[in-house]
Amino acid sequence: MPGIGDLFGMMKNAKQMVEKAKEAKAELARRTVEGNAGAGLVAATVNGLGDLIALKIDPIAVTPADTEMLADLIVAAVAGARNKADALRADAMREMTGGMDLSSLGIDVNGLL
């Protein structure tokens, strides 16, 4: 049976993990990645948390008769940027946990970052 020292050790480790998560989240908020579509006609920039922070549209892509194509390019560019942001978050999570898969222990880490 685990002793009270084990409980305090676990609490200390949990507190350190939360602090590391806060630091990682702040770093992810500062980092940016870009997704492009239509050979660069549309570029979406998101931060490491997946928040859209900029969208550039080349004027040549703006054709009033084909707004559906422009919408598709925007969606593709944002999706590409968010995929890159997901990879940044996954890397940060691996670094924070030392590569351990905490989900196998029943710990949901998705809300940390």
Protein backbone atom coordinates (compact mmCIF):
# COMPACT_ATOMS: atom_id res chain seq x y z
CA MET A 1 0.00 0.00 0.00
CA PRO A 2 1.44 3.36 -0.97
CA GLY A 3 2.42 5.64 1.86
CA ILE A 4 1.75 9.31 2.42
CA GLY A 5 5.21 10.09 1.00
CA ASP A 6 4.18 8.48 -2.28
CA LEU A 7 1.07 10.65 -2.36
CA PHE A 8 3.10 13.82 -1.79
CA GLY A 9 5.56 12.75 -4.49
CA MET A 10 2.73 12.22 -6.95
CA MET A 11 1.23 15.60 -6.06
CA LYS A 12 4.61 17.30 -6.54
CA ASN A 13 5.04 15.62 -9.93
CA ALA A 14 1.52 16.64 -10.96
CA LYS A 15 2.23 20.24 -9.97
CA GLN A 16 5.46 20.20 -12.00
CA MET A 17 3.56 18.76 -14.97
CA VAL A 18 0.98 21.56 -14.77
CA GLU A 19 3.75 24.18 -14.65
CA LYS A 20 5.47 22.59 -17.64
CA ALA A 21 2.14 22.55 -19.47
CA LYS A 22 1.63 26.27 -18.79
CA GLU A 23 5.10 27.06 -20.11
CA ALA A 24 4.59 24.87 -23.18
CA LYS A 25 1.21 26.46 -23.87
CA ALA A 26 2.70 29.95 -23.69
CA GLU A 27 5.49 28.91 -26.07
CA LEU A 28 2.99 27.37 -28.49
CA ALA A 29 0.96 30.58 -28.44
CA ARG A 30 4.09 32.46 -29.59
CA ARG A 31 5.06 30.03 -32.36
CA THR A 32 3.44 30.23 -35.79
CA VAL A 33 3.08 27.88 -38.73
CA GLU A 34 1.68 28.46 -42.19
CA GLY A 35 -0.46 26.42 -44.52
CA ASN A 36 -0.78 27.18 -48.23
CA ALA A 37 -3.24 26.24 -50.93
CA GLY A 38 -3.53 26.87 -54.63
CA ALA A 39 0.22 27.10 -55.14
CA GLY A 40 0.40 29.87 -52.54
CA LEU A 41 -2.66 31.83 -53.65
CA VAL A 42 -4.00 31.48 -50.11
CA ALA A 43 -1.81 31.33 -47.00
CA ALA A 44 -3.12 30.79 -43.50
CA THR A 45 -1.01 31.40 -40.39
CA VAL A 46 -1.95 29.81 -37.08
CA ASN A 47 -0.20 29.80 -33.76
CA GLY A 48 0.91 26.57 -32.12
CA LEU A 49 -2.44 26.33 -30.35
CA GLY A 50 -4.25 26.23 -33.69
CA ASP A 51 -5.69 29.75 -33.54
CA LEU A 52 -5.95 31.44 -36.93
CA ILE A 53 -3.95 34.66 -36.69
CA ALA A 54 -3.49 35.71 -40.34
CA LEU A 55 -4.91 34.97 -43.76
CA LYS A 56 -3.35 36.18 -46.99
CA ILE A 57 -5.22 35.96 -50.27
CA ASP A 58 -3.54 36.77 -53.56
CA PRO A 59 -5.86 39.11 -55.52
CA ILE A 60 -5.66 36.77 -58.50
CA ALA A 61 -7.58 34.19 -56.43
CA VAL A 62 -10.52 36.56 -55.98
CA THR A 63 -12.88 35.81 -58.81
CA PRO A 64 -16.44 36.92 -58.06
CA ALA A 65 -17.81 34.23 -60.36
CA ASP A 66 -15.99 31.48 -58.45
CA THR A 67 -16.15 32.25 -54.74
CA GLU A 68 -16.58 28.52 -54.06
CA MET A 69 -13.03 27.84 -55.26
CA LEU A 70 -11.70 30.63 -53.02
CA ALA A 71 -13.58 29.18 -50.06
CA ASP A 72 -12.08 25.75 -50.78
CA LEU A 73 -8.58 27.26 -50.92
CA ILE A 74 -9.11 29.02 -47.60
CA VAL A 75 -10.35 25.84 -45.94
CA ALA A 76 -7.38 23.87 -47.32
CA ALA A 77 -4.84 26.47 -46.21
CA VAL A 78 -6.29 26.67 -42.69
CA ALA A 79 -6.44 22.87 -42.43
CA GLY A 80 -2.82 22.59 -43.52
CA ALA A 81 -1.70 25.16 -40.97
CA ARG A 82 -3.70 23.51 -38.20
CA ASN A 83 -2.17 20.12 -39.02
CA LYS A 84 1.26 21.69 -38.55
CA ALA A 85 0.09 23.24 -35.25
CA ASP A 86 -1.15 19.81 -34.12
CA ALA A 87 2.33 18.43 -34.80
CA LEU A 88 3.87 21.23 -32.71
CA ARG A 89 1.51 20.41 -29.83
CA ALA A 90 2.27 16.68 -30.10
CA ASP A 91 6.00 17.42 -29.97
CA ALA A 92 5.52 19.67 -26.95
CA MET A 93 3.47 16.97 -25.22
CA ARG A 94 6.13 14.31 -25.88
CA GLU A 95 8.79 16.63 -24.52
CA MET A 96 6.70 17.48 -21.46
CA THR A 97 5.93 13.85 -20.61
CA GLY A 98 9.32 12.46 -21.52
CA GLY A 99 7.70 10.48 -24.31
CA MET A 100 5.39 8.61 -21.94
CA ASP A 101 1.89 7.81 -23.19
CA LEU A 102 -0.16 9.00 -20.23
CA SER A 103 -3.42 8.02 -21.93
CA SER A 104 -2.54 4.38 -21.19
CA LEU A 105 -2.74 5.34 -17.51
CA GLY A 106 -6.17 6.84 -17.99
CA ILE A 107 -4.84 10.41 -17.89
CA ASP A 108 -6.39 12.77 -20.44
CA VAL A 109 -3.67 15.22 -21.43
CA ASN A 110 -5.57 16.80 -24.32
CA GLY A 111 -6.72 19.70 -22.18
CA LEU A 112 -3.20 20.55 -21.02
CA LEU A 113 -2.08 22.09 -24.31
